[in-house]
Amino acid sequence: PHPGPTYHSDLRLDWEVQFFTSRGFAVADVDYRGSTGYGREFR
């Protein structure tokens, strides 16, 4: 879950994600309800 809550997941190169994916892990960044980028009602 991103560090908002009034924010969103960043679609950009993230070396912390790559640290884990290069070691055999999958990573799922979640835009949960309350995130930005989806309008006022969702936020």
PDB file of all heavy atoms in Angstrom:
ATOM      1  N   PRO A   1       0.849  -1.192   0.000  1.00  0.00           N
ATOM      2  CA  PRO A   1       0.000   0.000   0.000  1.00  0.00           C
ATOM      3  C   PRO A   1       0.886   1.244   0.000  1.00  0.00           C
ATOM      4  O   PRO A   1       1.838   1.325   0.771  1.00  0.00           O
ATOM      5  CB  PRO A   1      -0.786  -0.127   1.311  1.00  0.00           C
ATOM      6  CG  PRO A   1       0.082  -0.970   2.195  1.00  0.00           C
ATOM      7  CD  PRO A   1       0.862  -1.891   1.299  1.00  0.00           C
ATOM      8  N   HIS A   2       0.610   2.183  -0.880  1.00  0.00           N
ATOM      9  CA  HIS A   2       1.472   3.367  -0.989  1.00  0.00           C
ATOM     10  C   HIS A   2       1.396   4.214   0.284  1.00  0.00           C
ATOM     11  O   HIS A   2       0.477   4.057   1.101  1.00  0.00           O
ATOM     12  CB  HIS A   2       1.100   4.183  -2.227  1.00  0.00           C
ATOM     13  CG  HIS A   2      -0.315   4.677  -2.219  1.00  0.00           C
ATOM     14  ND1 HIS A   2      -0.757   5.689  -1.400  1.00  0.00           N
ATOM     15  CD2 HIS A   2      -1.412   4.274  -2.926  1.00  0.00           C
ATOM     16  CE1 HIS A   2      -2.038   5.912  -1.606  1.00  0.00           C
ATOM     17  NE2 HIS A   2      -2.465   5.058  -2.521  1.00  0.00           N
ATOM     18  N   PRO A   3       2.335   5.139   0.470  1.00  0.00           N
ATOM     19  CA  PRO A   3       2.431   5.862   1.745  1.00  0.00           C
ATOM     20  C   PRO A   3       1.530   7.068   1.860  1.00  0.00           C
ATOM     21  O   PRO A   3       1.813   7.967   2.631  1.00  0.00           O
ATOM     22  CB  PRO A   3       3.909   6.266   1.791  1.00  0.00           C
ATOM     23  CG  PRO A   3       4.285   6.444   0.368  1.00  0.00           C
ATOM     24  CD  PRO A   3       3.503   5.409  -0.389  1.00  0.00           C
ATOM     25  N   GLY A   4       0.419   7.140   1.154  1.00  0.00           N
ATOM     26  CA  GLY A   4      -0.502   8.268   1.187  1.00  0.00           C
ATOM     27  C   GLY A   4      -1.004   8.589   2.595  1.00  0.00           C
ATOM     28  O   GLY A   4      -0.228   9.015   3.420  1.00  0.00           O
ATOM     29  N   PRO A   5      -2.308   8.326   2.891  1.00  0.00           N
ATOM     30  CA  PRO A   5      -3.202   7.635   1.970  1.00  0.00           C
ATOM     31  C   PRO A   5      -3.685   8.483   0.799  1.00  0.00           C
ATOM     32  O   PRO A   5      -4.199   7.939  -0.167  1.00  0.00           O
ATOM     33  CB  PRO A   5      -4.367   7.220   2.868  1.00  0.00           C
ATOM     34  CG  PRO A   5      -4.382   8.199   3.976  1.00  0.00           C
ATOM     35  CD  PRO A   5      -2.956   8.592   4.199  1.00  0.00           C
ATOM     36  N   THR A   6      -3.550   9.801   0.903  1.00  0.00           N
ATOM     37  CA  THR A   6      -4.002  10.657  -0.193  1.00  0.00           C
ATOM     38  C   THR A   6      -2.850  10.813  -1.188  1.00  0.00           C
ATOM     39  O   THR A   6      -2.229  11.871  -1.334  1.00  0.00           O
ATOM     40  CB  THR A   6      -4.472  12.018   0.352  1.00  0.00           C
ATOM     41  OG1 THR A   6      -5.346  11.791   1.459  1.00  0.00           O
ATOM     42  CG2 THR A   6      -5.231  12.803  -0.696  1.00  0.00           C
ATOM     43  N   TYR A   7      -2.557   9.731  -1.890  1.00  0.00           N
ATOM     44  CA  TYR A   7      -1.492   9.699  -2.889  1.00  0.00           C
ATOM     45  C   TYR A   7      -1.826   8.562  -3.849  1.00  0.00           C
ATOM     46  O   TYR A   7      -2.984   8.173  -3.990  1.00  0.00           O
ATOM     47  CB  TYR A   7      -0.126   9.517  -2.214  1.00  0.00           C
ATOM     48  CG  TYR A   7       1.044   9.759  -3.135  1.00  0.00           C
ATOM     49  CD1 TYR A   7       1.225  10.999  -3.747  1.00  0.00           C
ATOM     50  CD2 TYR A   7       1.964   8.753  -3.407  1.00  0.00           C
ATOM     51  CE1 TYR A   7       2.290  11.218  -4.603  1.00  0.00           C
ATOM     52  CE2 TYR A   7       3.027   8.967  -4.266  1.00  0.00           C
ATOM     53  CZ  TYR A   7       3.189  10.200  -4.860  1.00  0.00           C
ATOM     54  OH  TYR A   7       4.227  10.412  -5.712  1.00  0.00           O
ATOM     55  N   HIS A   8      -0.835   8.008  -4.520  1.00  0.00           N
ATOM     56  CA  HIS A   8      -1.049   6.953  -5.507  1.00  0.00           C
ATOM     57  C   HIS A   8       0.258   6.183  -5.684  1.00  0.00           C
ATOM     58  O   HIS A   8       1.330   6.626  -5.239  1.00  0.00           O
ATOM     59  CB  HIS A   8      -1.470   7.558  -6.855  1.00  0.00           C
ATOM     60  CG  HIS A   8      -0.473   8.556  -7.381  1.00  0.00           C
ATOM     61  ND1 HIS A   8       0.610   8.202  -8.156  1.00  0.00           N
ATOM     62  CD2 HIS A   8      -0.368   9.904  -7.202  1.00  0.00           C
ATOM     63  CE1 HIS A   8       1.325   9.271  -8.441  1.00  0.00           C
ATOM     64  NE2 HIS A   8       0.763  10.318  -7.870  1.00  0.00           N
ATOM     65  N   SER A   9       0.201   5.046  -6.331  1.00  0.00           N
ATOM     66  CA  SER A   9       1.416   4.289  -6.653  1.00  0.00           C
ATOM     67  C   SER A   9       2.136   4.972  -7.801  1.00  0.00           C
ATOM     68  O   SER A   9       1.508   5.450  -8.754  1.00  0.00           O
ATOM     69  CB  SER A   9       1.057   2.853  -7.045  1.00  0.00           C
ATOM     70  OG  SER A   9       0.389   2.195  -5.989  1.00  0.00           O
ATOM     71  N   ASP A  10       3.462   5.028  -7.729  1.00  0.00           N
ATOM     72  CA  ASP A  10       4.259   5.694  -8.756  1.00  0.00           C
ATOM     73  C   ASP A  10       4.606   4.718  -9.867  1.00  0.00           C
ATOM     74  O   ASP A  10       5.223   3.674  -9.625  1.00  0.00           O
ATOM     75  CB  ASP A  10       5.545   6.267  -8.157  1.00  0.00           C
ATOM     76  CG  ASP A  10       5.281   7.499  -7.312  1.00  0.00           C
ATOM     77  OD1 ASP A  10       4.560   8.395  -7.789  1.00  0.00           O
ATOM     78  OD2 ASP A  10       5.787   7.559  -6.188  1.00  0.00           O
ATOM     79  N   LEU A  11       4.243   5.074 -11.098  1.00  0.00           N
ATOM     80  CA  LEU A  11       4.575   4.248 -12.255  1.00  0.00           C
ATOM     81  C   LEU A  11       5.904   4.743 -12.834  1.00  0.00           C
ATOM     82  O   LEU A  11       5.976   5.413 -13.866  1.00  0.00           O
ATOM     83  CB  LEU A  11       3.453   4.329 -13.293  1.00  0.00           C
ATOM     84  CG  LEU A  11       3.558   3.434 -14.536  1.00  0.00           C
ATOM     85  CD1 LEU A  11       3.823   1.984 -14.171  1.00  0.00           C
ATOM     86  CD2 LEU A  11       2.323   3.575 -15.393  1.00  0.00           C
ATOM     87  N   ARG A  12       6.969   4.427 -12.139  1.00  0.00           N
ATOM     88  CA  ARG A  12       8.316   4.857 -12.525  1.00  0.00           C
ATOM     89  C   ARG A  12       9.323   3.878 -11.965  1.00  0.00           C
ATOM     90  O   ARG A  12       8.988   3.016 -11.150  1.00  0.00           O
ATOM     91  CB  ARG A  12       8.594   6.261 -11.999  1.00  0.00           C
ATOM     92  CG  ARG A  12       8.462   6.374 -10.490  1.00  0.00           C
ATOM     93  CD  ARG A  12       9.013   7.662  -9.958  1.00  0.00           C
ATOM     94  NE  ARG A  12       8.746   7.867  -8.552  1.00  0.00           N
ATOM     95  CZ  ARG A  12       9.382   7.273  -7.555  1.00  0.00           C
ATOM     96  NH1 ARG A  12      10.334   6.394  -7.803  1.00  0.00           N
ATOM     97  NH2 ARG A  12       9.078   7.549  -6.292  1.00  0.00           N
ATOM     98  N   LEU A  13      10.554   4.002 -12.421  1.00  0.00           N
ATOM     99  CA  LEU A  13      11.615   3.117 -11.967  1.00  0.00           C
ATOM    100  C   LEU A  13      11.823   3.274 -10.461  1.00  0.00           C
ATOM    101  O   LEU A  13      12.094   4.366  -9.968  1.00  0.00           O
ATOM    102  CB  LEU A  13      12.913   3.434 -12.712  1.00  0.00           C
ATOM    103  CG  LEU A  13      14.117   2.555 -12.400  1.00  0.00           C
ATOM    104  CD1 LEU A  13      13.827   1.089 -12.688  1.00  0.00           C
ATOM    105  CD2 LEU A  13      15.337   3.023 -13.197  1.00  0.00           C
ATOM    106  N   ASP A  14      11.664   2.192  -9.759  1.00  0.00           N
ATOM    107  CA  ASP A  14      11.784   2.171  -8.306  1.00  0.00           C
ATOM    108  C   ASP A  14      12.812   1.106  -7.952  1.00  0.00           C
ATOM    109  O   ASP A  14      12.560  -0.094  -8.087  1.00  0.00           O
ATOM    110  CB  ASP A  14      10.426   1.850  -7.685  1.00  0.00           C
ATOM    111  CG  ASP A  14      10.427   1.905  -6.158  1.00  0.00           C
ATOM    112  OD1 ASP A  14      11.500   1.670  -5.556  1.00  0.00           O
ATOM    113  OD2 ASP A  14       9.367   2.160  -5.569  1.00  0.00           O
ATOM    114  N   TRP A  15      13.967   1.552  -7.490  1.00  0.00           N
ATOM    115  CA  TRP A  15      15.053   0.607  -7.230  1.00  0.00           C
ATOM    116  C   TRP A  15      14.768  -0.284  -6.032  1.00  0.00           C
ATOM    117  O   TRP A  15      15.340  -1.376  -5.913  1.00  0.00           O
ATOM    118  CB  TRP A  15      16.373   1.346  -7.061  1.00  0.00           C
ATOM    119  CG  TRP A  15      16.860   1.921  -8.350  1.00  0.00           C
ATOM    120  CD1 TRP A  15      16.951   3.237  -8.692  1.00  0.00           C
ATOM    121  CD2 TRP A  15      17.292   1.188  -9.505  1.00  0.00           C
ATOM    122  NE1 TRP A  15      17.420   3.370  -9.979  1.00  0.00           N
ATOM    123  CE2 TRP A  15      17.637   2.128 -10.496  1.00  0.00           C
ATOM    124  CE3 TRP A  15      17.421  -0.175  -9.797  1.00  0.00           C
ATOM    125  CZ2 TRP A  15      18.106   1.759 -11.756  1.00  0.00           C
ATOM    126  CZ3 TRP A  15      17.886  -0.546 -11.058  1.00  0.00           C
ATOM    127  CH2 TRP A  15      18.224   0.411 -12.017  1.00  0.00           C
ATOM    128  N   GLU A  16      13.898   0.124  -5.128  1.00  0.00           N
ATOM    129  CA  GLU A  16      13.519  -0.756  -4.027  1.00  0.00           C
ATOM    130  C   GLU A  16      12.686  -1.925  -4.541  1.00  0.00           C
ATOM    131  O   GLU A  16      12.844  -3.060  -4.093  1.00  0.00           O
ATOM    132  CB  GLU A  16      12.770   0.031  -2.949  1.00  0.00           C
ATOM    133  CG  GLU A  16      13.658   1.060  -2.253  1.00  0.00           C
ATOM    134  CD  GLU A  16      13.004   1.649  -1.019  1.00  0.00           C
ATOM    135  OE1 GLU A  16      12.089   1.016  -0.456  1.00  0.00           O
ATOM    136  OE2 GLU A  16      13.416   2.749  -0.601  1.00  0.00           O
ATOM    137  N   VAL A  17      11.786  -1.658  -5.484  1.00  0.00           N
ATOM    138  CA  VAL A  17      11.052  -2.747  -6.128  1.00  0.00           C
ATOM    139  C   VAL A  17      12.018  -3.684  -6.830  1.00  0.00           C
ATOM    140  O   VAL A  17      11.930  -4.921  -6.703  1.00  0.00           O
ATOM    141  CB  VAL A  17      10.023  -2.186  -7.128  1.00  0.00           C
ATOM    142  CG1 VAL A  17       9.441  -3.315  -7.981  1.00  0.00           C
ATOM    143  CG2 VAL A  17       8.905  -1.454  -6.407  1.00  0.00           C
ATOM    144  N   GLN A  18      12.974  -3.124  -7.574  1.00  0.00           N
ATOM    145  CA  GLN A  18      13.916  -3.950  -8.323  1.00  0.00           C
ATOM    146  C   GLN A  18      14.814  -4.774  -7.399  1.00  0.00           C
ATOM    147  O   GLN A  18      15.258  -5.872  -7.766  1.00  0.00           O
ATOM    148  CB  GLN A  18      14.771  -3.076  -9.255  1.00  0.00           C
ATOM    149  CG  GLN A  18      13.954  -2.256 -10.241  1.00  0.00           C
ATOM    150  CD  GLN A  18      13.008  -3.097 -11.077  1.00  0.00           C
ATOM    151  OE1 GLN A  18      13.377  -4.178 -11.549  1.00  0.00           O
ATOM    152  NE2 GLN A  18      11.785  -2.610 -11.280  1.00  0.00           N
ATOM    153  N   PHE A  19      15.070  -4.263  -6.199  1.00  0.00           N
ATOM    154  CA  PHE A  19      15.847  -5.022  -5.215  1.00  0.00           C
ATOM    155  C   PHE A  19      15.170  -6.362  -4.950  1.00  0.00           C
ATOM    156  O   PHE A  19      15.821  -7.411  -4.891  1.00  0.00           O
ATOM    157  CB  PHE A  19      15.971  -4.205  -3.926  1.00  0.00           C
ATOM    158  CG  PHE A  19      16.632  -4.920  -2.783  1.00  0.00           C
ATOM    159  CD1 PHE A  19      18.009  -4.888  -2.635  1.00  0.00           C
ATOM    160  CD2 PHE A  19      15.882  -5.626  -1.848  1.00  0.00           C
ATOM    161  CE1 PHE A  19      18.634  -5.549  -1.574  1.00  0.00           C
ATOM    162  CE2 PHE A  19      16.482  -6.283  -0.785  1.00  0.00           C
ATOM    163  CZ  PHE A  19      17.865  -6.244  -0.658  1.00  0.00           C
ATOM    164  N   PHE A  20      13.857  -6.346  -4.801  1.00  0.00           N
ATOM    165  CA  PHE A  20      13.134  -7.582  -4.487  1.00  0.00           C
ATOM    166  C   PHE A  20      12.844  -8.424  -5.725  1.00  0.00           C
ATOM    167  O   PHE A  20      12.955  -9.660  -5.675  1.00  0.00           O
ATOM    168  CB  PHE A  20      11.843  -7.246  -3.740  1.00  0.00           C
ATOM    169  CG  PHE A  20      12.071  -6.732  -2.356  1.00  0.00           C
ATOM    170  CD1 PHE A  20      11.846  -5.399  -2.045  1.00  0.00           C
ATOM    171  CD2 PHE A  20      12.540  -7.573  -1.358  1.00  0.00           C
ATOM    172  CE1 PHE A  20      12.082  -4.914  -0.770  1.00  0.00           C
ATOM    173  CE2 PHE A  20      12.777  -7.106  -0.076  1.00  0.00           C
ATOM    174  CZ  PHE A  20      12.551  -5.760   0.222  1.00  0.00           C
ATOM    175  N   THR A  21      12.482  -7.808  -6.842  1.00  0.00           N
ATOM    176  CA  THR A  21      12.185  -8.601  -8.042  1.00  0.00           C
ATOM    177  C   THR A  21      13.436  -9.302  -8.566  1.00  0.00           C
ATOM    178  O   THR A  21      13.346 -10.386  -9.134  1.00  0.00           O
ATOM    179  CB  THR A  21      11.571  -7.729  -9.146  1.00  0.00           C
ATOM    180  OG1 THR A  21      12.454  -6.638  -9.459  1.00  0.00           O
ATOM    181  CG2 THR A  21      10.218  -7.184  -8.719  1.00  0.00           C
ATOM    182  N   SER A  22      14.601  -8.714  -8.348  1.00  0.00           N
ATOM    183  CA  SER A  22      15.849  -9.358  -8.779  1.00  0.00           C
ATOM    184  C   SER A  22      16.238 -10.517  -7.863  1.00  0.00           C
ATOM    185  O   SER A  22      17.151 -11.286  -8.188  1.00  0.00           O
ATOM    186  CB  SER A  22      16.988  -8.328  -8.823  1.00  0.00           C
ATOM    187  OG  SER A  22      17.290  -7.855  -7.520  1.00  0.00           O
ATOM    188  N   ARG A  23      15.544 -10.654  -6.749  1.00  0.00           N
ATOM    189  CA  ARG A  23      15.811 -11.740  -5.797  1.00  0.00           C
ATOM    190  C   ARG A  23      14.657 -12.746  -5.745  1.00  0.00           C
ATOM    191  O   ARG A  23      14.517 -13.482  -4.772  1.00  0.00           O
ATOM    192  CB  ARG A  23      16.097 -11.153  -4.418  1.00  0.00           C
ATOM    193  CG  ARG A  23      17.469 -10.455  -4.349  1.00  0.00           C
ATOM    194  CD  ARG A  23      17.557  -9.472  -3.192  1.00  0.00           C
ATOM    195  NE  ARG A  23      18.917  -8.935  -3.066  1.00  0.00           N
ATOM    196  CZ  ARG A  23      19.391  -7.943  -3.811  1.00  0.00           C
ATOM    197  NH1 ARG A  23      18.639  -7.381  -4.744  1.00  0.00           N
ATOM    198  NH2 ARG A  23      20.638  -7.520  -3.639  1.00  0.00           N
ATOM    199  N   GLY A  24      13.845 -12.751  -6.788  1.00  0.00           N
ATOM    200  CA  GLY A  24      12.822 -13.778  -6.918  1.00  0.00           C
ATOM    201  C   GLY A  24      11.455 -13.439  -6.373  1.00  0.00           C
ATOM    202  O   GLY A  24      10.564 -14.293  -6.363  1.00  0.00           O
ATOM    203  N   PHE A  25      11.243 -12.209  -5.919  1.00  0.00           N
ATOM    204  CA  PHE A  25       9.953 -11.805  -5.372  1.00  0.00           C
ATOM    205  C   PHE A  25       9.133 -11.056  -6.419  1.00  0.00           C
ATOM    206  O   PHE A  25       9.679 -10.330  -7.259  1.00  0.00           O
ATOM    207  CB  PHE A  25      10.132 -10.878  -4.161  1.00  0.00           C
ATOM    208  CG  PHE A  25      10.648 -11.565  -2.931  1.00  0.00           C
ATOM    209  CD1 PHE A  25      12.009 -11.824  -2.784  1.00  0.00           C
ATOM    210  CD2 PHE A  25       9.789 -11.945  -1.912  1.00  0.00           C
ATOM    211  CE1 PHE A  25      12.503 -12.455  -1.657  1.00  0.00           C
ATOM    212  CE2 PHE A  25      10.271 -12.576  -0.773  1.00  0.00           C
ATOM    213  CZ  PHE A  25      11.629 -12.837  -0.641  1.00  0.00           C
ATOM    214  N   ALA A  26       7.829 -11.204  -6.351  1.00  0.00           N
ATOM    215  CA  ALA A  26       6.914 -10.326  -7.070  1.00  0.00           C
ATOM    216  C   ALA A  26       6.499  -9.194  -6.134  1.00  0.00           C
ATOM    217  O   ALA A  26       6.477  -9.362  -4.915  1.00  0.00           O
ATOM    218  CB  ALA A  26       5.683 -11.092  -7.540  1.00  0.00           C
ATOM    219  N   VAL A  27       6.179  -8.030  -6.717  1.00  0.00           N
ATOM    220  CA  VAL A  27       5.741  -6.870  -5.937  1.00  0.00           C
ATOM    221  C   VAL A  27       4.441  -6.364  -6.536  1.00  0.00           C
ATOM    222  O   VAL A  27       4.332  -6.221  -7.762  1.00  0.00           O
ATOM    223  CB  VAL A  27       6.803  -5.761  -5.920  1.00  0.00           C
ATOM    224  CG1 VAL A  27       6.268  -4.529  -5.197  1.00  0.00           C
ATOM    225  CG2 VAL A  27       8.089  -6.246  -5.253  1.00  0.00           C
ATOM    226  N   ALA A  28       3.460  -6.079  -5.688  1.00  0.00           N
ATOM    227  CA  ALA A  28       2.169  -5.552  -6.131  1.00  0.00           C
ATOM    228  C   ALA A  28       1.899  -4.237  -5.417  1.00  0.00           C
ATOM    229  O   ALA A  28       1.672  -4.226  -4.201  1.00  0.00           O
ATOM    230  CB  ALA A  28       1.051  -6.550  -5.851  1.00  0.00           C
ATOM    231  N   ASP A  29       1.960  -3.128  -6.162  1.00  0.00           N
ATOM    232  CA  ASP A  29       1.654  -1.805  -5.611  1.00  0.00           C
ATOM    233  C   ASP A  29       0.165  -1.532  -5.794  1.00  0.00           C
ATOM    234  O   ASP A  29      -0.357  -1.599  -6.918  1.00  0.00           O
ATOM    235  CB  ASP A  29       2.470  -0.722  -6.313  1.00  0.00           C
ATOM    236  CG  ASP A  29       3.922  -0.711  -5.861  1.00  0.00           C
ATOM    237  OD1 ASP A  29       4.250  -1.420  -4.903  1.00  0.00           O
ATOM    238  OD2 ASP A  29       4.731   0.015  -6.476  1.00  0.00           O
ATOM    239  N   VAL A  30      -0.520  -1.201  -4.713  1.00  0.00           N
ATOM    240  CA  VAL A  30      -1.980  -1.123  -4.704  1.00  0.00           C
ATOM    241  C   VAL A  30      -2.450   0.326  -4.562  1.00  0.00           C
ATOM    242  O   VAL A  30      -2.065   1.021  -3.610  1.00  0.00           O
ATOM    243  CB  VAL A  30      -2.563  -1.962  -3.553  1.00  0.00           C
ATOM    244  CG1 VAL A  30      -4.094  -1.908  -3.573  1.00  0.00           C
ATOM    245  CG2 VAL A  30      -2.067  -3.397  -3.620  1.00  0.00           C
ATOM    246  N   ASP A  31      -3.309   0.760  -5.490  1.00  0.00           N
ATOM    247  CA  ASP A  31      -4.030   2.021  -5.325  1.00  0.00           C
ATOM    248  C   ASP A  31      -5.365   1.712  -4.653  1.00  0.00           C
ATOM    249  O   ASP A  31      -6.390   1.476  -5.304  1.00  0.00           O
ATOM    250  CB  ASP A  31      -4.243   2.703  -6.676  1.00  0.00           C
ATOM    251  CG  ASP A  31      -3.036   3.525  -7.106  1.00  0.00           C
ATOM    252  OD1 ASP A  31      -2.077   3.626  -6.322  1.00  0.00           O
ATOM    253  OD2 ASP A  31      -3.060   4.063  -8.229  1.00  0.00           O
ATOM    254  N   TYR A  32      -5.346   1.663  -3.335  1.00  0.00           N
ATOM    255  CA  TYR A  32      -6.534   1.338  -2.555  1.00  0.00           C
ATOM    256  C   TYR A  32      -7.496   2.528  -2.538  1.00  0.00           C
ATOM    257  O   TYR A  32      -7.147   3.647  -2.955  1.00  0.00           O
ATOM    258  CB  TYR A  32      -6.136   0.930  -1.141  1.00  0.00           C
ATOM    259  CG  TYR A  32      -5.167   1.886  -0.463  1.00  0.00           C
ATOM    260  CD1 TYR A  32      -5.634   3.016   0.213  1.00  0.00           C
ATOM    261  CD2 TYR A  32      -3.783   1.667  -0.497  1.00  0.00           C
ATOM    262  CE1 TYR A  32      -4.765   3.887   0.829  1.00  0.00           C
ATOM    263  CE2 TYR A  32      -2.900   2.537   0.123  1.00  0.00           C
ATOM    264  CZ  TYR A  32      -3.397   3.645   0.778  1.00  0.00           C
ATOM    265  OH  TYR A  32      -2.530   4.529   1.384  1.00  0.00           O
ATOM    266  N   ARG A  33      -8.709   2.297  -2.080  1.00  0.00           N
ATOM    267  CA  ARG A  33      -9.678   3.381  -1.979  1.00  0.00           C
ATOM    268  C   ARG A  33      -9.130   4.490  -1.081  1.00  0.00           C
ATOM    269  O   ARG A  33      -8.599   4.231  -0.009  1.00  0.00           O
ATOM    270  CB  ARG A  33     -11.008   2.843  -1.449  1.00  0.00           C
ATOM    271  CG  ARG A  33     -11.856   2.175  -2.518  1.00  0.00           C
ATOM    272  CD  ARG A  33     -13.033   1.432  -1.940  1.00  0.00           C
ATOM    273  NE  ARG A  33     -12.618   0.180  -1.293  1.00  0.00           N
ATOM    274  CZ  ARG A  33     -13.463  -0.682  -0.739  1.00  0.00           C
ATOM    275  NH1 ARG A  33     -14.762  -0.430  -0.748  1.00  0.00           N
ATOM    276  NH2 ARG A  33     -13.014  -1.794  -0.180  1.00  0.00           N
ATOM    277  N   GLY A  34      -9.270   5.736  -1.559  1.00  0.00           N
ATOM    278  CA  GLY A  34      -8.654   6.876  -0.902  1.00  0.00           C
ATOM    279  C   GLY A  34      -7.496   7.440  -1.700  1.00  0.00           C
ATOM    280  O   GLY A  34      -7.002   8.534  -1.397  1.00  0.00           O
ATOM    281  N   SER A  35      -7.044   6.714  -2.735  1.00  0.00           N
ATOM    282  CA  SER A  35      -5.908   7.147  -3.543  1.00  0.00           C
ATOM    283  C   SER A  35      -6.297   8.298  -4.469  1.00  0.00           C
ATOM    284  O   SER A  35      -7.473   8.515  -4.789  1.00  0.00           O
ATOM    285  CB  SER A  35      -5.378   5.981  -4.387  1.00  0.00           C
ATOM    286  OG  SER A  35      -4.965   4.904  -3.573  1.00  0.00           O
ATOM    287  N   THR A  36      -5.289   9.028  -4.926  1.00  0.00           N
ATOM    288  CA  THR A  36      -5.499  10.099  -5.893  1.00  0.00           C
ATOM    289  C   THR A  36      -5.329   9.556  -7.306  1.00  0.00           C
ATOM    290  O   THR A  36      -4.716   8.515  -7.525  1.00  0.00           O
ATOM    291  CB  THR A  36      -4.517  11.250  -5.660  1.00  0.00           C
ATOM    292  OG1 THR A  36      -3.174  10.735  -5.663  1.00  0.00           O
ATOM    293  CG2 THR A  36      -4.765  11.923  -4.331  1.00  0.00           C
ATOM    294  N   GLY A  37      -5.883  10.320  -8.273  1.00  0.00           N
ATOM    295  CA  GLY A  37      -5.824   9.919  -9.666  1.00  0.00           C
ATOM    296  C   GLY A  37      -7.115   9.296 -10.159  1.00  0.00           C
ATOM    297  O   GLY A  37      -7.220   8.903 -11.328  1.00  0.00           O
ATOM    298  N   TYR A  38      -8.125   9.230  -9.281  1.00  0.00           N
ATOM    299  CA  TYR A  38      -9.395   8.568  -9.615  1.00  0.00           C
ATOM    300  C   TYR A  38     -10.603   9.448  -9.318  1.00  0.00           C
ATOM    301  O   TYR A  38     -11.729   8.959  -9.296  1.00  0.00           O
ATOM    302  CB  TYR A  38      -9.500   7.257  -8.838  1.00  0.00           C
ATOM    303  CG  TYR A  38      -8.338   6.328  -9.086  1.00  0.00           C
ATOM    304  CD1 TYR A  38      -7.193   6.409  -8.299  1.00  0.00           C
ATOM    305  CD2 TYR A  38      -8.366   5.389 -10.116  1.00  0.00           C
ATOM    306  CE1 TYR A  38      -6.101   5.568  -8.526  1.00  0.00           C
ATOM    307  CE2 TYR A  38      -7.292   4.550 -10.343  1.00  0.00           C
ATOM    308  CZ  TYR A  38      -6.160   4.651  -9.551  1.00  0.00           C
ATOM    309  OH  TYR A  38      -5.086   3.814  -9.788  1.00  0.00           O
ATOM    310  N   GLY A  39     -10.402  10.727  -9.070  1.00  0.00           N
ATOM    311  CA  GLY A  39     -11.495  11.634  -8.801  1.00  0.00           C
ATOM    312  C   GLY A  39     -11.790  11.821  -7.326  1.00  0.00           C
ATOM    313  O   GLY A  39     -11.298  11.086  -6.465  1.00  0.00           O
ATOM    314  N   ARG A  40     -12.607  12.854  -7.041  1.00  0.00           N
ATOM    315  CA  ARG A  40     -12.884  13.243  -5.657  1.00  0.00           C
ATOM    316  C   ARG A  40     -13.616  12.147  -4.889  1.00  0.00           C
ATOM    317  O   ARG A  40     -13.292  11.869  -3.725  1.00  0.00           O
ATOM    318  CB  ARG A  40     -13.707  14.535  -5.644  1.00  0.00           C
ATOM    319  CG  ARG A  40     -14.017  15.041  -4.239  1.00  0.00           C
ATOM    320  CD  ARG A  40     -14.855  16.301  -4.244  1.00  0.00           C
ATOM    321  NE  ARG A  40     -15.201  16.690  -2.880  1.00  0.00           N
ATOM    322  CZ  ARG A  40     -14.507  17.547  -2.122  1.00  0.00           C
ATOM    323  NH1 ARG A  40     -13.423  18.111  -2.586  1.00  0.00           N
ATOM    324  NH2 ARG A  40     -14.888  17.835  -0.889  1.00  0.00           N
ATOM    325  N   GLU A  41     -14.611  11.501  -5.494  1.00  0.00           N
ATOM    326  CA  GLU A  41     -15.391  10.502  -4.783  1.00  0.00           C
ATOM    327  C   GLU A  41     -14.518   9.344  -4.319  1.00  0.00           C
ATOM    328  O   GLU A  41     -14.623   8.894  -3.173  1.00  0.00           O
ATOM    329  CB  GLU A  41     -16.516   9.972  -5.681  1.00  0.00           C
ATOM    330  CG  GLU A  41     -17.428   8.979  -4.991  1.00  0.00           C
ATOM    331  CD  GLU A  41     -18.560   8.479  -5.875  1.00  0.00           C
ATOM    332  OE1 GLU A  41     -18.675   8.977  -7.020  1.00  0.00           O
ATOM    333  OE2 GLU A  41     -19.318   7.593  -5.443  1.00  0.00           O
ATOM    334  N   PHE A  42     -13.631   8.859  -5.178  1.00  0.00           N
ATOM    335  CA  PHE A  42     -12.729   7.773  -4.808  1.00  0.00           C
ATOM    336  C   PHE A  42     -11.770   8.242  -3.726  1.00  0.00           C
ATOM    337  O   PHE A  42     -11.480   7.515  -2.763  1.00  0.00           O
ATOM    338  CB  PHE A  42     -11.966   7.301  -6.050  1.00  0.00           C
ATOM    339  CG  PHE A  42     -11.191   6.029  -5.860  1.00  0.00           C
ATOM    340  CD1 PHE A  42     -11.769   4.802  -6.117  1.00  0.00           C
ATOM    341  CD2 PHE A  42      -9.867   6.045  -5.434  1.00  0.00           C
ATOM    342  CE1 PHE A  42     -11.060   3.617  -5.954  1.00  0.00           C
ATOM    343  CE2 PHE A  42      -9.140   4.880  -5.260  1.00  0.00           C
ATOM    344  CZ  PHE A  42      -9.746   3.659  -5.525  1.00  0.00           C
ATOM    345  N   ARG A  43     -11.269   9.482  -3.875  1.00  0.00           N
ATOM    346  CA  ARG A  43     -10.317  10.027  -2.907  1.00  0.00           C
ATOM    347  C   ARG A  43     -10.942  10.155  -1.521  1.00  0.00           C
ATOM    348  O   ARG A  43     -10.276   9.957  -0.502  1.00  0.00           O
ATOM    349  CB  ARG A  43      -9.838  11.393  -3.415  1.00  0.00           C
ATOM    350  CG  ARG A  43      -8.723  12.029  -2.634  1.00  0.00           C
ATOM    351  CD  ARG A  43      -8.205  13.271  -3.334  1.00  0.00           C
ATOM    352  NE  ARG A  43      -9.058  14.436  -3.234  1.00  0.00           N
ATOM    353  CZ  ARG A  43      -9.650  15.050  -4.238  1.00  0.00           C
ATOM    354  NH1 ARG A  43      -9.510  14.599  -5.479  1.00  0.00           N
ATOM    355  NH2 ARG A  43     -10.395  16.125  -4.051  1.00  0.00           N
TER     356      ARG A  43
END
